[in-house]
Amino acid sequence: MSDTLFLDIIDRKIPADIVYETDQVLGFKDINAQAPHHVLFIPKQHVRTINDLTPATAGLVGELFLAAADYAKQQGVAEDGYRVVMNCNALAGQTVFHIHLHFLAGRAMTWPPG
């Protein structure tokens, strides 16, 4: 996948099933869903990996978590539970190099995740 895939989604150049949006965050359904609710939350500002965060961009991660919590409440899954995951670099499973938070809910999760 391209480094700019998520930037193209933000710019509406590539279609996505957008389910959440604020000034700083976009949430859309994962095309390879691993749970009944599988949404990717991305910052609208580009940061390649967690390793590339700086004090100036660190707040974006908090915005992603706030968006996930808000979405969980909206979908009625906050009390049942949900999982959030961020991968950093290829060995951890990151395939699009723009930080993003996976939100998974609607089924029982197992541990370890694999």
C-alpha atoms as a PDB file:
ATOM      1  CA  MET A   1       0.000   0.000   0.000  1.00  0.00           C
ATOM      2  CA  SER A   2       1.076   3.552  -0.631  1.00  0.00           C
ATOM      3  CA  ASP A   3       2.378   5.856   2.070  1.00  0.00           C
ATOM      4  CA  THR A   4      -0.203   8.368   0.912  1.00  0.00           C
ATOM      5  CA  LEU A   5      -3.260   6.091   0.851  1.00  0.00           C
ATOM      6  CA  PHE A   6      -4.675   7.603   4.024  1.00  0.00           C
ATOM      7  CA  LEU A   7      -3.864  11.125   2.843  1.00  0.00           C
ATOM      8  CA  ASP A   8      -5.872  10.352  -0.304  1.00  0.00           C
ATOM      9  CA  ILE A   9      -8.778   9.178   1.878  1.00  0.00           C
ATOM     10  CA  ILE A  10      -8.540  12.378   3.954  1.00  0.00           C
ATOM     11  CA  ASP A  11      -8.587  14.418   0.721  1.00  0.00           C
ATOM     12  CA  ARG A  12     -11.540  12.321  -0.562  1.00  0.00           C
ATOM     13  CA  LYS A  13      -9.511  11.181  -3.593  1.00  0.00           C
ATOM     14  CA  ILE A  14     -10.104   7.543  -2.588  1.00  0.00           C
ATOM     15  CA  PRO A  15     -13.530   6.471  -1.313  1.00  0.00           C
ATOM     16  CA  ALA A  16     -13.908   5.145   2.214  1.00  0.00           C
ATOM     17  CA  ASP A  17     -16.842   4.324   4.456  1.00  0.00           C
ATOM     18  CA  ILE A  18     -16.315   7.285   6.800  1.00  0.00           C
ATOM     19  CA  VAL A  19     -18.095   6.863  10.129  1.00  0.00           C
ATOM     20  CA  TYR A  20     -16.443   9.526  12.276  1.00  0.00           C
ATOM     21  CA  GLU A  21     -14.817  12.899  11.720  1.00  0.00           C
ATOM     22  CA  THR A  22     -13.504  15.841  13.716  1.00  0.00           C
ATOM     23  CA  ASP A  23     -11.175  18.667  12.756  1.00  0.00           C
ATOM     24  CA  GLN A  24      -8.169  16.476  13.575  1.00  0.00           C
ATOM     25  CA  VAL A  25      -9.341  12.862  13.146  1.00  0.00           C
ATOM     26  CA  LEU A  26     -11.021  10.737  10.494  1.00  0.00           C
ATOM     27  CA  GLY A  27     -12.548   7.325  11.222  1.00  0.00           C
ATOM     28  CA  PHE A  28     -13.506   4.846   8.512  1.00  0.00           C
ATOM     29  CA  LYS A  29     -14.374   1.168   8.303  1.00  0.00           C
ATOM     30  CA  ASP A  30     -11.471  -1.180   7.672  1.00  0.00           C
ATOM     31  CA  ILE A  31     -11.867  -2.935   4.308  1.00  0.00           C
ATOM     32  CA  ASN A  32     -10.451  -6.115   5.888  1.00  0.00           C
ATOM     33  CA  ALA A  33     -12.626  -6.108   9.007  1.00  0.00           C
ATOM     34  CA  GLN A  34     -11.569  -8.423  11.830  1.00  0.00           C
ATOM     35  CA  ALA A  35     -14.613  -7.704  14.008  1.00  0.00           C
ATOM     36  CA  PRO A  36     -18.201  -6.508  13.504  1.00  0.00           C
ATOM     37  CA  HIS A  37     -16.940  -3.020  14.348  1.00  0.00           C
ATOM     38  CA  HIS A  38     -13.477  -2.466  12.832  1.00  0.00           C
ATOM     39  CA  VAL A  39     -12.709   1.194  12.299  1.00  0.00           C
ATOM     40  CA  LEU A  40      -9.407   2.894  11.572  1.00  0.00           C
ATOM     41  CA  PHE A  41      -8.920   6.244  13.272  1.00  0.00           C
ATOM     42  CA  ILE A  42      -6.271   8.404  11.613  1.00  0.00           C
ATOM     43  CA  PRO A  43      -4.981  11.882  12.287  1.00  0.00           C
ATOM     44  CA  LYS A  44      -5.492  14.301   9.426  1.00  0.00           C
ATOM     45  CA  GLN A  45      -1.887  15.387   9.932  1.00  0.00           C
ATOM     46  CA  HIS A  46       0.619  12.934   8.460  1.00  0.00           C
ATOM     47  CA  VAL A  47       2.956  11.105  10.836  1.00  0.00           C
ATOM     48  CA  ARG A  48       4.563   7.958   9.355  1.00  0.00           C
ATOM     49  CA  THR A  49       5.007   5.811  12.471  1.00  0.00           C
ATOM     50  CA  ILE A  50       4.834   6.026  16.238  1.00  0.00           C
ATOM     51  CA  ASN A  51       8.622   6.444  16.123  1.00  0.00           C
ATOM     52  CA  ASP A  52       8.147   9.687  14.195  1.00  0.00           C
ATOM     53  CA  LEU A  53       6.010  11.356  16.855  1.00  0.00           C
ATOM     54  CA  THR A  54       7.426  14.522  18.387  1.00  0.00           C
ATOM     55  CA  PRO A  55       6.293  16.644  21.317  1.00  0.00           C
ATOM     56  CA  ALA A  56       4.461  18.788  18.744  1.00  0.00           C
ATOM     57  CA  THR A  57       2.538  15.812  17.276  1.00  0.00           C
ATOM     58  CA  ALA A  58       2.143  13.608  20.362  1.00  0.00           C
ATOM     59  CA  GLY A  59      -1.304  15.063  21.097  1.00  0.00           C
ATOM     60  CA  LEU A  60      -2.599  13.455  17.908  1.00  0.00           C
ATOM     61  CA  VAL A  61      -2.429  10.064  19.589  1.00  0.00           C
ATOM     62  CA  GLY A  62      -4.643  11.328  22.397  1.00  0.00           C
ATOM     63  CA  GLU A  63      -7.106  12.626  19.810  1.00  0.00           C
ATOM     64  CA  LEU A  64      -7.259   9.144  18.243  1.00  0.00           C
ATOM     65  CA  PHE A  65      -8.055   7.545  21.600  1.00  0.00           C
ATOM     66  CA  LEU A  66     -10.682  10.183  22.402  1.00  0.00           C
ATOM     67  CA  ALA A  67     -12.280   9.553  19.005  1.00  0.00           C
ATOM     68  CA  ALA A  68     -12.326   5.794  19.628  1.00  0.00           C
ATOM     69  CA  ALA A  69     -13.945   6.244  23.043  1.00  0.00           C
ATOM     70  CA  ASP A  70     -16.548   8.615  21.609  1.00  0.00           C
ATOM     71  CA  TYR A  71     -17.312   6.239  18.737  1.00  0.00           C
ATOM     72  CA  ALA A  72     -17.638   3.303  21.169  1.00  0.00           C
ATOM     73  CA  LYS A  73     -20.267   5.251  23.118  1.00  0.00           C
ATOM     74  CA  GLN A  74     -22.097   6.214  19.921  1.00  0.00           C
ATOM     75  CA  GLN A  75     -22.208   2.586  18.789  1.00  0.00           C
ATOM     76  CA  GLY A  76     -23.319   1.277  22.201  1.00  0.00           C
ATOM     77  CA  VAL A  77     -20.254  -0.942  22.674  1.00  0.00           C
ATOM     78  CA  ALA A  78     -18.345   1.076  25.286  1.00  0.00           C
ATOM     79  CA  GLU A  79     -19.677  -0.871  28.254  1.00  0.00           C
ATOM     80  CA  ASP A  80     -19.294  -4.314  26.624  1.00  0.00           C
ATOM     81  CA  GLY A  81     -15.716  -3.549  25.682  1.00  0.00           C
ATOM     82  CA  TYR A  82     -13.528  -2.898  22.693  1.00  0.00           C
ATOM     83  CA  ARG A  83      -9.904  -3.208  21.676  1.00  0.00           C
ATOM     84  CA  VAL A  84      -7.634  -0.503  20.256  1.00  0.00           C
ATOM     85  CA  VAL A  85      -4.344  -1.365  18.551  1.00  0.00           C
ATOM     86  CA  MET A  86      -1.532   0.652  16.994  1.00  0.00           C
ATOM     87  CA  ASN A  87       1.183  -1.126  14.994  1.00  0.00           C
ATOM     88  CA  CYS A  88       4.634   0.358  14.447  1.00  0.00           C
ATOM     89  CA  ASN A  89       6.576  -0.699  11.355  1.00  0.00           C
ATOM     90  CA  ALA A  90       6.360  -3.777   9.152  1.00  0.00           C
ATOM     91  CA  LEU A  91       7.279  -6.517  11.631  1.00  0.00           C
ATOM     92  CA  ALA A  92       4.409  -5.383  13.869  1.00  0.00           C
ATOM     93  CA  GLY A  93       1.964  -5.431  10.954  1.00  0.00           C
ATOM     94  CA  GLN A  94       1.919  -1.791   9.869  1.00  0.00           C
ATOM     95  CA  THR A  95       1.165  -1.747   6.135  1.00  0.00           C
ATOM     96  CA  VAL A  96       0.166   1.888   5.672  1.00  0.00           C
ATOM     97  CA  PHE A  97       2.790   4.280   6.955  1.00  0.00           C
ATOM     98  CA  HIS A  98       0.522   6.911   8.492  1.00  0.00           C
ATOM     99  CA  ILE A  99      -0.177   6.338  12.184  1.00  0.00           C
ATOM    100  CA  HIS A 100      -3.588   4.854  12.816  1.00  0.00           C
ATOM    101  CA  LEU A 101      -5.567   3.277  15.613  1.00  0.00           C
ATOM    102  CA  HIS A 102      -7.517   0.079  14.955  1.00  0.00           C
ATOM    103  CA  PHE A 103     -10.823  -0.011  16.859  1.00  0.00           C
ATOM    104  CA  LEU A 104     -12.343  -3.501  17.179  1.00  0.00           C
ATOM    105  CA  ALA A 105     -15.603  -4.376  18.926  1.00  0.00           C
ATOM    106  CA  GLY A 106     -18.673  -6.552  18.684  1.00  0.00           C
ATOM    107  CA  ARG A 107     -17.072  -9.902  19.502  1.00  0.00           C
ATOM    108  CA  ALA A 108     -15.039 -11.475  22.288  1.00  0.00           C
ATOM    109  CA  MET A 109     -11.324 -10.818  21.916  1.00  0.00           C
ATOM    110  CA  THR A 110      -8.638 -13.364  22.741  1.00  0.00           C
ATOM    111  CA  TRP A 111      -5.160 -12.917  24.168  1.00  0.00           C
ATOM    112  CA  PRO A 112      -2.503 -12.951  22.987  1.00  0.00           C
ATOM    113  CA  PRO A 113      -3.740 -11.338  19.798  1.00  0.00           C
ATOM    114  CA  GLY A 114      -1.145 -13.033  17.545  1.00  0.00           C
END
